[in-house]
Protein backbone atom coordinates (compact mmCIF):
# COMPACT_ATOMS: atom_id res chain seq x y z
CA UNK A 1 -23.27 24.08 8.42
CA UNK A 2 -24.31 21.19 6.08
CA UNK A 3 -24.57 17.82 7.76
CA UNK A 4 -22.88 14.80 6.00
CA UNK A 5 -22.96 11.17 7.07
CA UNK A 6 -20.05 8.96 5.79
CA UNK A 7 -19.62 5.26 6.00
CA UNK A 8 -16.06 4.05 6.45
CA UNK A 9 -15.01 0.51 6.17
CA UNK A 10 -11.90 0.09 8.29
CA UNK A 11 -8.95 -2.29 8.84
CA UNK A 12 -6.24 -0.18 10.52
CA UNK A 13 -4.36 3.09 10.61
CA UNK A 14 -5.06 3.89 6.98
CA UNK A 15 -8.71 4.26 7.84
CA UNK A 16 -7.93 6.21 11.05
CA UNK A 17 -6.15 8.61 8.81
CA UNK A 18 -9.24 8.72 6.48
CA UNK A 19 -11.58 9.34 9.48
CA UNK A 20 -9.27 12.07 10.81
CA UNK A 21 -9.31 13.77 7.42
CA UNK A 22 -13.19 13.75 7.36
CA UNK A 23 -13.58 14.88 10.99
CA UNK A 24 -11.18 17.85 10.50
CA UNK A 25 -13.65 19.19 8.01
CA UNK A 26 -14.38 22.93 8.35
CA UNK A 27 -17.08 23.04 5.66
CA UNK A 28 -19.40 20.20 7.05
CA UNK A 29 -20.78 18.79 10.20
CA UNK A 30 -19.59 15.20 9.65
CA UNK A 31 -20.98 12.06 11.24
CA UNK A 32 -18.85 8.92 10.60
CA UNK A 33 -20.42 5.46 10.59
CA UNK A 34 -17.58 2.87 10.98
CA UNK A 35 -17.50 -0.82 10.13
CA UNK A 36 -14.27 -1.90 11.85
CA UNK A 37 -12.15 -5.05 12.10
CA UNK A 38 -11.79 -4.32 15.88
CA UNK A 39 -12.62 -1.71 18.44
CA UNK A 40 -10.02 0.73 17.19
CA UNK A 41 -9.78 3.33 20.01
CA UNK A 42 -9.41 6.32 17.53
CA UNK A 43 -12.36 5.14 15.41
CA UNK A 44 -14.56 4.39 18.43
CA UNK A 45 -13.88 7.96 19.69
CA UNK A 46 -14.59 9.62 16.35
CA UNK A 47 -17.60 7.51 15.20
CA UNK A 48 -21.21 8.44 15.49
CA UNK A 49 -21.89 4.67 15.13
CA UNK A 50 -19.25 1.93 15.36
CA UNK A 51 -19.65 -1.77 14.67
CA UNK A 52 -17.04 -4.58 14.71
CA UNK A 53 -17.12 -7.16 11.78
CA UNK A 54 -13.83 -9.12 12.41
CA UNK A 55 -13.78 -10.65 8.91
CA UNK A 56 -15.17 -7.58 7.09
CA UNK A 57 -17.88 -9.74 5.61
CA UNK A 58 -19.64 -7.81 2.84
CA UNK A 59 -23.12 -9.02 3.93
CA UNK A 60 -22.56 -7.66 7.40
CA UNK A 61 -21.17 -4.44 6.08
CA UNK A 62 -24.28 -4.11 3.80
CA UNK A 63 -26.60 -4.77 6.81
CA UNK A 64 -24.97 -1.98 8.76
CA UNK A 65 -25.28 0.34 5.76
CA UNK A 66 -28.96 -0.49 5.32
CA UNK A 67 -29.70 0.18 8.98
CA UNK A 68 -28.30 3.70 8.58
CA UNK A 69 -28.92 4.50 4.92
CA UNK A 70 -31.05 7.50 5.76
CA UNK A 71 -28.18 9.13 7.60
CA UNK A 72 -25.40 8.16 5.20
CA UNK A 73 -24.54 10.27 2.10
CA UNK A 74 -21.67 8.12 0.81
CA UNK A 75 -19.01 5.67 1.92
CA UNK A 76 -15.32 4.94 1.46
CA UNK A 77 -13.57 1.54 1.66
CA UNK A 78 -9.87 1.14 2.53
CA UNK A 79 -8.98 -2.60 2.87
CA UNK A 80 -8.70 -4.84 -0.18
CA UNK A 81 -10.71 -7.80 1.03
CA UNK A 82 -14.20 -6.30 0.88
CA UNK A 83 -13.32 -4.47 -2.39
CA UNK A 84 -12.35 -7.76 -3.96
CA UNK A 85 -15.45 -9.38 -2.61
CA UNK A 86 -17.61 -6.77 -4.24
CA UNK A 87 -18.78 -4.53 -1.40
CA UNK A 88 -19.44 -1.64 -3.71
CA UNK A 89 -21.59 -3.67 -6.08
CA UNK A 90 -23.69 -5.02 -3.20
CA UNK A 91 -24.09 -1.86 -1.03
CA UNK A 92 -24.92 0.38 -4.00
CA UNK A 93 -27.46 -2.09 -5.43
CA UNK A 94 -29.24 -2.71 -2.13
CA UNK A 95 -29.03 0.67 -0.38
CA UNK A 96 -28.33 3.23 -3.05
CA UNK A 97 -25.41 4.56 -0.98
CA UNK A 98 -22.53 5.45 -3.40
CA UNK A 99 -19.15 4.01 -2.39
CA UNK A 100 -15.71 5.35 -3.22
CA UNK A 101 -13.75 2.23 -4.17
CA UNK A 102 -13.52 0.17 -7.41
CA UNK A 103 -16.29 -2.35 -8.30
CA UNK A 104 -15.42 -6.01 -7.96
CA UNK A 105 -14.76 -6.49 -11.69
CA UNK A 106 -12.06 -3.71 -11.63
CA UNK A 107 -10.31 -4.78 -8.45
CA UNK A 108 -7.40 -6.24 -10.47
CA UNK A 109 -5.35 -7.03 -7.41
CA UNK A 110 -7.61 -10.07 -7.05
CA UNK A 111 -5.63 -11.70 -9.82
CA UNK A 112 -1.90 -11.18 -10.53
CA UNK A 113 -2.37 -13.22 -13.78
CA UNK A 114 -5.06 -10.82 -15.03
CA UNK A 115 -2.84 -7.82 -14.07
CA UNK A 116 0.09 -9.09 -16.05
CA UNK A 117 -2.15 -9.85 -19.09
CA UNK A 118 -3.74 -6.42 -18.85
CA UNK A 119 -0.38 -4.66 -18.80
CA UNK A 120 0.95 -6.95 -21.56
CA UNK A 121 -1.86 -5.78 -23.74
CA UNK A 122 -1.60 -2.04 -22.96
CA UNK A 123 1.93 -1.36 -21.73
CA UNK A 124 4.07 -4.40 -22.38
CA UNK A 125 7.33 -2.52 -21.64
CA UNK A 126 6.45 -2.19 -17.94
CA UNK A 127 6.08 -5.95 -17.40
CA UNK A 128 9.13 -7.92 -16.19
CA UNK A 129 9.72 -11.24 -18.14
CA UNK A 130 7.11 -13.62 -16.76
CA UNK A 131 5.59 -16.96 -17.34
CA UNK A 132 2.12 -18.26 -16.06
CA UNK A 133 1.94 -21.78 -14.73
CA UNK A 134 -1.68 -23.11 -14.65
CA UNK A 135 -2.39 -26.56 -12.90
CA UNK A 136 -4.74 -27.50 -15.71
CA UNK A 137 -1.84 -27.53 -18.20
CA UNK A 138 0.14 -30.17 -16.44
CA UNK A 139 -0.54 -33.81 -15.72
CA UNK A 140 2.33 -34.67 -13.26
CA UNK A 141 4.49 -32.90 -10.73
CA UNK A 142 7.60 -33.95 -12.71
CA UNK A 143 6.10 -32.31 -15.80
CA UNK A 144 5.54 -28.96 -14.02
CA UNK A 145 9.03 -29.24 -12.33
CA UNK A 146 10.70 -29.58 -15.74
CA UNK A 147 8.83 -26.55 -17.00
CA UNK A 148 9.77 -24.45 -13.96
CA UNK A 149 13.40 -25.39 -14.14
CA UNK A 150 13.53 -24.53 -17.88
CA UNK A 151 12.12 -21.11 -17.07
CA UNK A 152 14.63 -20.68 -14.31
CA UNK A 153 17.38 -21.48 -16.81
CA UNK A 154 16.04 -18.53 -18.93
CA UNK A 155 15.97 -16.22 -15.87
CA UNK A 156 19.32 -17.33 -14.43
CA UNK A 157 17.42 -18.31 -11.31
CA UNK A 158 16.80 -14.68 -10.32
CA UNK A 159 13.04 -15.15 -9.94
CA UNK A 160 9.98 -14.00 -8.05
CA UNK A 161 7.23 -16.47 -7.40
CA UNK A 162 3.65 -15.05 -7.13
CA UNK A 163 0.41 -16.83 -6.55
CA UNK A 164 -2.49 -15.60 -8.76
CA UNK A 165 -4.82 -15.13 -5.80
CA UNK A 166 -3.99 -12.97 -2.78
CA UNK A 167 -2.95 -14.91 0.31
CA UNK A 168 -2.92 -18.25 -1.48
CA UNK A 169 -0.34 -20.73 -0.10
CA UNK A 170 2.90 -19.11 1.02
CA UNK A 171 2.44 -15.87 -0.93
CA UNK A 172 5.05 -14.04 -2.83
CA UNK A 173 8.60 -15.51 -2.67
CA UNK A 174 11.77 -13.78 -3.90
CA UNK A 175 15.14 -15.42 -4.81
CA UNK A 176 17.74 -14.38 -2.38
CA UNK A 177 15.19 -13.55 0.30
CA UNK A 178 12.90 -16.59 0.69
CA UNK A 179 15.02 -19.19 -1.11
CA UNK A 180 18.53 -19.53 -2.42
CA UNK A 181 18.23 -22.96 -4.23
CA UNK A 182 15.94 -24.29 -6.91
CA UNK A 183 14.65 -26.94 -4.55
CA UNK A 184 13.50 -24.28 -2.05
CA UNK A 185 11.97 -22.19 -4.86
CA UNK A 186 10.06 -25.19 -6.17
CA UNK A 187 8.72 -26.06 -2.65
CA UNK A 188 7.45 -22.53 -2.38
CA UNK A 189 6.10 -22.79 -5.86
CA UNK A 190 4.14 -25.96 -5.12
CA UNK A 191 2.68 -24.56 -1.88
CA UNK A 192 0.98 -21.99 -4.13
CA UNK A 193 0.42 -24.15 -7.17
CA UNK A 194 -2.01 -26.51 -5.22
CA UNK A 195 -4.27 -23.45 -4.82
CA UNK A 196 -4.20 -22.28 -8.49
CA UNK A 197 -2.15 -20.47 -11.16
CA UNK A 198 1.28 -19.11 -10.24
CA UNK A 199 3.46 -16.56 -12.01
CA UNK A 200 7.31 -16.78 -12.03
CA UNK A 201 8.83 -13.55 -13.17
CA UNK A 202 12.27 -12.02 -13.29
CA UNK A 203 13.63 -10.35 -10.22
CA UNK A 204 14.16 -6.64 -10.97
CA UNK A 205 17.06 -4.69 -9.53
CA UNK A 206 16.23 -1.11 -8.74
CA UNK A 207 14.64 1.39 -6.29
CA UNK A 208 10.89 1.15 -5.55
CA UNK A 209 8.37 3.88 -5.40
CA UNK A 210 4.55 3.90 -4.68
CA UNK A 211 2.35 5.72 -7.18
CA UNK A 212 -1.26 6.53 -6.16
CA UNK A 213 -4.05 8.30 -7.99
CA UNK A 214 -7.53 9.34 -7.22
CA UNK A 215 -10.04 8.53 -9.94
CA UNK A 216 -13.62 9.83 -10.48
CA UNK A 217 -14.19 7.57 -13.49
CA UNK A 218 -13.41 10.39 -15.97
CA UNK A 219 -10.14 11.83 -14.56
CA UNK A 220 -7.01 10.36 -13.04
CA UNK A 221 -5.43 12.66 -10.41
CA UNK A 222 -1.89 11.56 -9.43
CA UNK A 223 -0.75 11.99 -5.84
CA UNK A 224 2.87 12.53 -4.84
CA UNK A 225 5.27 9.68 -4.84
CA UNK A 226 5.97 7.79 -1.63
CA UNK A 227 8.50 5.17 -0.50
CA UNK A 228 7.38 2.19 1.51
CA UNK A 229 9.64 0.14 3.81
CA UNK A 230 8.46 -3.52 3.46
CA UNK A 231 11.33 -5.38 5.16
CA UNK A 232 10.90 -5.81 8.91
CA UNK A 233 14.33 -4.74 10.24
CA UNK A 234 16.75 -1.86 9.87
CA UNK A 235 18.92 -2.03 6.84
CA UNK A 236 16.14 -3.64 4.83
CA UNK A 237 16.75 -6.96 6.56
CA UNK A 238 14.27 -9.63 7.70
CA UNK A 239 10.97 -10.83 6.11
CA UNK A 240 8.58 -8.69 4.13
CA UNK A 241 5.76 -7.11 6.08
CA UNK A 242 2.64 -4.93 5.32
CA UNK A 243 4.97 -1.97 5.59
CA UNK A 244 6.98 -0.62 8.52
CA UNK A 245 6.77 2.95 7.44
CA UNK A 246 6.98 5.37 4.52
CA UNK A 247 7.96 8.86 3.45
CA UNK A 248 7.27 11.53 0.94
CA UNK A 249 9.36 14.49 0.00
CA UNK A 250 8.16 18.11 -0.12
CA UNK A 251 7.54 17.91 -3.86
CA UNK A 252 5.82 15.26 -6.10
CA UNK A 253 8.73 12.90 -6.50
CA UNK A 254 11.34 11.06 -4.29
CA UNK A 255 14.94 12.19 -3.81
CA UNK A 256 16.25 9.26 -5.99
CA UNK A 257 13.85 10.06 -8.79
CA UNK A 258 13.93 12.68 -11.51
CA UNK A 259 11.11 14.68 -13.09
CA UNK A 260 11.39 12.41 -16.05
CA UNK A 261 10.83 9.36 -13.83
CA UNK A 262 7.72 10.90 -12.43
CA UNK A 263 6.40 12.00 -15.83
CA UNK A 264 7.06 8.43 -17.19
CA UNK A 265 5.04 6.92 -14.25
CA UNK A 266 2.10 9.24 -14.95
CA UNK A 267 2.27 8.47 -18.67
CA UNK A 268 2.20 4.73 -18.04
CA UNK A 269 -0.70 4.79 -15.60
CA UNK A 270 -2.74 7.19 -17.67
CA UNK A 271 -2.31 4.93 -20.73
CA UNK A 272 -3.57 1.93 -18.66
CA UNK A 273 -6.57 4.03 -17.50
CA UNK A 274 -7.35 5.33 -21.05
CA UNK A 275 -6.84 2.04 -22.89
CA UNK A 276 -8.44 -0.25 -20.31
CA UNK A 277 -11.61 -1.61 -21.98
CA UNK A 278 -14.12 -1.04 -19.18
CA UNK A 279 -17.89 -1.00 -19.61
CA UNK A 280 -18.52 1.26 -16.64
CA UNK A 281 -15.81 3.90 -16.22
CA UNK A 282 -17.35 5.06 -12.90
CA UNK A 283 -16.61 1.44 -11.62
CA UNK A 284 -12.95 2.67 -11.27
CA UNK A 285 -14.00 5.38 -8.70
CA UNK A 286 -11.58 5.56 -5.78
CA UNK A 287 -7.87 4.63 -6.04
CA UNK A 288 -7.90 1.90 -8.72
CA UNK A 289 -4.16 2.55 -9.25
CA UNK A 290 -1.85 2.12 -6.27
CA UNK A 291 1.20 1.00 -8.32
CA UNK A 292 4.55 -0.37 -7.07
CA UNK A 293 7.07 0.89 -9.62
CA UNK A 294 10.68 -0.36 -9.82
CA UNK A 295 13.10 2.20 -11.22
CA UNK A 296 15.88 0.31 -12.98
CA UNK A 297 17.97 3.11 -14.60
CA UNK A 298 16.08 2.39 -17.89
CA UNK A 299 12.38 1.91 -18.27
CA UNK A 300 10.48 1.55 -14.97
CA UNK A 301 8.75 -1.81 -14.30
CA UNK A 302 5.49 -2.40 -12.52
CA UNK A 303 5.84 -4.98 -9.64
CA UNK A 304 2.15 -4.97 -8.88
CA UNK A 305 -0.97 -2.83 -8.83
CA UNK A 306 -3.51 -2.57 -6.02
CA UNK A 307 -7.11 -1.33 -6.21
CA UNK A 308 -7.15 0.63 -2.93
CA UNK A 309 -5.26 3.30 -1.03
CA UNK A 310 -1.85 2.30 0.24
CA UNK A 311 -1.20 1.46 3.84
CA UNK A 312 0.97 3.24 4.91
CA UNK A 313 1.40 5.39 1.74
CA UNK A 314 -1.89 7.16 1.92
CA UNK A 315 -1.23 8.14 5.47
CA UNK A 316 1.65 10.35 4.07
CA UNK A 317 -0.92 12.30 1.95
CA UNK A 318 -4.22 12.80 3.84
CA UNK A 319 -2.80 14.95 6.75
CA UNK A 320 -1.44 17.56 4.30
CA UNK A 321 -4.53 17.95 2.00
CA UNK A 322 -5.19 21.68 1.44
CA UNK A 323 -8.81 21.00 0.39
CA UNK A 324 -11.62 19.62 2.65
CA UNK A 325 -11.58 15.82 2.14
CA UNK A 326 -15.31 15.80 2.08
CA UNK A 327 -15.28 18.15 -0.92
CA UNK A 328 -12.60 15.98 -2.60
CA UNK A 329 -14.94 12.97 -2.16
CA UNK A 330 -18.02 14.83 -3.54
CA UNK A 331 -15.97 15.78 -6.60
CA UNK A 332 -15.03 12.08 -7.07
CA UNK A 333 -18.68 11.10 -6.86
CA UNK A 334 -19.74 13.83 -9.29
CA UNK A 335 -17.07 12.96 -11.76
CA UNK A 336 -15.36 16.38 -11.66
CA UNK A 337 -12.17 15.78 -9.71
CA UNK A 338 -9.35 17.31 -11.85
CA UNK A 339 -6.71 18.20 -9.26
CA UNK A 340 -5.65 17.84 -5.65
CA UNK A 341 -3.78 20.49 -3.72
CA UNK A 342 -1.35 19.63 -0.89
CA UNK A 343 0.66 21.57 1.58
CA UNK A 344 4.40 21.84 0.66
CA UNK A 345 5.55 19.46 3.30
CA UNK A 346 7.50 16.25 3.67
CA UNK A 347 5.83 13.47 5.75
CA UNK A 348 7.28 10.44 7.44
CA UNK A 349 5.16 7.54 8.81
CA UNK A 350 6.66 5.07 11.23
CA UNK A 351 4.77 2.01 12.52
CA UNK A 352 5.21 0.46 16.04
CA UNK A 353 4.42 -3.16 15.97
CA UNK A 354 4.03 -6.12 18.50
CA UNK A 355 6.98 -8.48 19.28
CA UNK A 356 5.85 -11.36 17.10
CA UNK A 357 5.27 -9.15 14.07
CA UNK A 358 7.89 -9.54 11.36
CA UNK A 359 9.65 -12.30 13.31
CA UNK A 360 11.19 -9.83 15.69
CA UNK A 361 10.76 -11.91 18.92
CA UNK A 362 12.39 -14.84 17.24
CA UNK A 363 15.27 -12.83 15.65
CA UNK A 364 15.98 -10.64 18.72
CA UNK A 365 14.65 -12.47 21.89
CA UNK A 366 17.07 -10.53 24.03
CA UNK A 367 15.48 -7.14 23.06
CA UNK A 368 11.91 -8.13 23.89
CA UNK A 369 10.71 -6.94 27.30
CA UNK A 370 8.76 -10.13 28.25
CA UNK A 371 7.12 -8.35 31.23
CA UNK A 372 5.38 -5.98 28.77
CA UNK A 373 4.10 -8.59 26.27
CA UNK A 374 0.23 -8.56 26.14
CA UNK A 375 0.05 -5.58 28.55
CA UNK A 376 -1.92 -2.33 27.68
CA UNK A 377 -0.34 0.25 25.44
CA UNK A 378 -0.37 3.88 26.55
CA UNK A 379 -0.70 6.38 23.73
CA UNK A 380 -1.21 9.38 26.07
CA UNK A 381 2.34 10.85 25.77
CA UNK A 382 2.32 10.61 21.97
CA UNK A 383 -1.00 12.50 21.74
CA UNK A 384 0.34 15.14 24.12
CA UNK A 385 3.03 15.97 21.63
CA UNK A 386 0.37 17.94 19.69
CA UNK A 387 0.89 20.64 22.32
CA UNK A 388 4.48 20.86 21.06
CA UNK A 389 3.97 20.29 17.35
CA UNK A 390 0.32 21.09 16.72
CA UNK A 391 -0.85 19.59 13.38
CA UNK A 392 2.73 18.51 12.55
CA UNK A 393 2.18 15.18 14.30
CA UNK A 394 -0.57 12.56 13.85
CA UNK A 395 -1.13 9.35 15.89
CA UNK A 396 -3.19 6.71 14.21
CA UNK A 397 -3.92 3.41 16.02
CA UNK A 398 -4.09 0.40 13.66
CA UNK A 399 -4.26 -3.16 14.99
CA UNK A 400 -5.30 -2.07 18.44
CA UNK A 401 -8.33 -2.86 20.51
CA UNK A 402 -10.18 -0.82 23.19
CA UNK A 403 -11.15 -2.98 26.13
CA UNK A 404 -12.96 -1.04 28.75
CA UNK A 405 -10.73 2.03 29.13
CA UNK A 406 -7.42 0.42 28.11
CA UNK A 407 -5.85 -0.08 24.67
CA UNK A 408 -4.17 -3.37 23.60
CA UNK A 409 -2.07 -4.20 20.59
CA UNK A 410 -3.19 -7.21 18.58
CA UNK A 411 -1.16 -9.29 16.07
CA UNK A 412 -0.44 -6.87 13.20
CA UNK A 413 0.98 -3.36 12.92
CA UNK A 414 -0.20 -1.55 16.07
CA UNK A 415 0.05 2.19 15.62
CA UNK A 416 1.39 4.72 13.04
CA UNK A 417 2.88 8.14 13.91
CA UNK A 418 3.10 10.74 11.14
CA UNK A 419 5.69 13.59 11.30
CA UNK A 420 5.14 16.61 9.08
CA UNK A 421 7.76 19.21 8.24
CA UNK A 422 9.41 21.16 5.34
CA UNK A 423 12.22 18.55 5.44
CA UNK A 424 12.30 14.83 5.46
CA UNK A 425 14.77 14.62 8.34
CA UNK A 426 12.72 16.99 10.52
CA UNK A 427 9.56 15.01 9.73
CA UNK A 428 11.37 11.77 10.63
CA UNK A 429 12.55 13.15 13.90
CA UNK A 430 8.88 14.23 14.84
CA UNK A 431 7.63 10.74 13.90
CA UNK A 432 10.26 9.01 15.94
CA UNK A 433 9.63 11.30 18.99
CA UNK A 434 5.99 10.25 18.80
CA UNK A 435 6.87 6.58 18.35
CA UNK A 436 9.26 6.64 21.36
CA UNK A 437 6.57 8.30 23.50
CA UNK A 438 4.29 5.17 23.06
CA UNK A 439 4.84 2.87 25.98
CA UNK A 440 3.80 -0.69 26.82
CA UNK A 441 3.02 -3.96 24.98
CA UNK A 442 6.74 -4.59 24.18
CA UNK A 443 6.14 -2.78 20.82
CA UNK A 444 9.11 -2.20 18.59
CA UNK A 445 9.86 -0.20 15.29
CA UNK A 446 12.38 0.34 12.52
CA UNK A 447 14.72 3.20 13.43
CA UNK A 448 15.84 3.95 9.84
CA UNK A 449 12.62 4.85 8.02
CA UNK A 450 13.57 7.87 5.80
CA UNK A 451 16.99 8.21 7.35
CA UNK A 452 19.65 10.20 5.49
CA UNK A 453 21.78 7.01 5.21
CA UNK A 454 18.88 4.97 3.58
CA UNK A 455 18.01 7.84 1.19
CA UNK A 456 21.62 8.33 0.17
CA UNK A 457 21.98 4.62 -0.40
CA UNK A 458 18.95 4.70 -2.83
CA UNK A 459 20.38 7.74 -4.60
CA UNK A 460 23.79 5.94 -5.07
CA UNK A 461 22.09 2.75 -6.24
CA UNK A 462 20.01 4.46 -8.90
CA UNK A 463 22.96 6.54 -10.18
CA UNK A 464 24.93 3.23 -10.51
CA UNK A 465 22.10 1.65 -12.40
CA UNK A 466 21.72 4.77 -14.75
CA UNK A 467 25.46 4.77 -15.40
CA UNK A 468 25.32 1.04 -16.23
CA UNK A 469 22.39 1.58 -18.52
CA UNK A 470 24.07 4.57 -20.28
CA UNK A 471 27.30 2.59 -20.69
CA UNK A 472 25.30 -0.37 -22.20
CA UNK A 473 23.63 2.04 -24.56
CA UNK A 474 26.84 3.47 -25.85
CA UNK A 475 28.29 -0.05 -26.28
CA UNK A 476 25.24 -1.03 -28.25
CA UNK A 477 25.42 2.23 -30.33
CA UNK A 478 29.10 1.59 -31.16
CA UNK A 479 28.38 -1.97 -32.25
CA UNK A 480 25.57 -0.67 -34.51
CA UNK A 481 27.90 1.93 -36.15
CA UNK A 482 30.63 -0.70 -36.69
CA UNK A 483 28.17 -2.95 -38.41
CA UNK A 484 26.94 -0.05 -40.63
CA UNK A 485 30.57 0.50 -41.79
């Protein structure tokens, strides 16, 4: 059996799923070399070599790669920070190890302004109405306030405030969620504006889907649609998070979508891929398009694009690959990946998270077991469910740290459990059974990820939007006919 060494740059459960996909290989004897944000218990167990770089500094990642370059055939990077910081450019130049992730110049999630301008040039129809506010264009705060309020007049206040750079100031703010008055919106705006350019765009009503595609530089291979749950609490309440869970259906699109919706998304992303003026097409290698689409009943809109695999969305995909993931990666590196085959299964990912995550302890103090806070977390019973379900369940630690022989949850999403089944509901039940088997640390989770009620609500919402769109179309058509007469 051929030996293969693979470098994995890891942040959380997404990379545990990647490592799991590699180490399940039946075609290769795989050795994984992991650069990790913490001593993730799953990764420590699976890795031939494991090192912790808490800030995922690209220089430290490169040093690790250099030390093992004779043993590593290629690498893959999951988290956005090192991709944006140019880890591929540096590692490939200094070590010759090819990496699967976009180069720095094509990591367009680094700038929301550049994203919007790129889409405006190639597919303007996918952009919401937006306006860029740049500090260099305004002399006083009163001047910028006047401009912001004039734009809010045009949008009817239904606005989304986005900093150009990731994690600048207060981050993305949404009317109705983060603020309900212009004064609150402007305060949020200024917290970001002091760091650089800010976009204010219209708030879009619709149902969201996540589109991901592998790219080898020559071909774009779409993966099935997934649905992410960003809000912290059941019923889509509470603050936005990194994602409390996600699901995919048995086929390529979601229950509230049509084949036409899916085809339209593929058409849009392929157009961006083909029309994007890049000097080095291989620089897009990896998942350069992880796109949040909003389905409106008319044309879909792009909320944002990321230059990496989704967390949790890629966790829905990797456990059901039909092909050996090592072979998939070699095809990406060779520029001949033209298709991906998956098992005909639905998958549901549920995250369990610590009490302070998503504002849970503050919102529901009576539900937090204070005696468990900061105590070790026991994953044993969850792993034992493989005796019952076999490969239909996966347990992936995320923001967890191995200390001696015990596992502790840190500050972010702690552990993901994937349920796999021919139906969404059965996959959900498996995922929840695994989640409920995890004890300790006062961890909590959303209970309605992929629930029938939530899915039916999405279907009713999109039907309502389509009806409204169709009614609006017929009204416009009737007016046009009257004018012609």
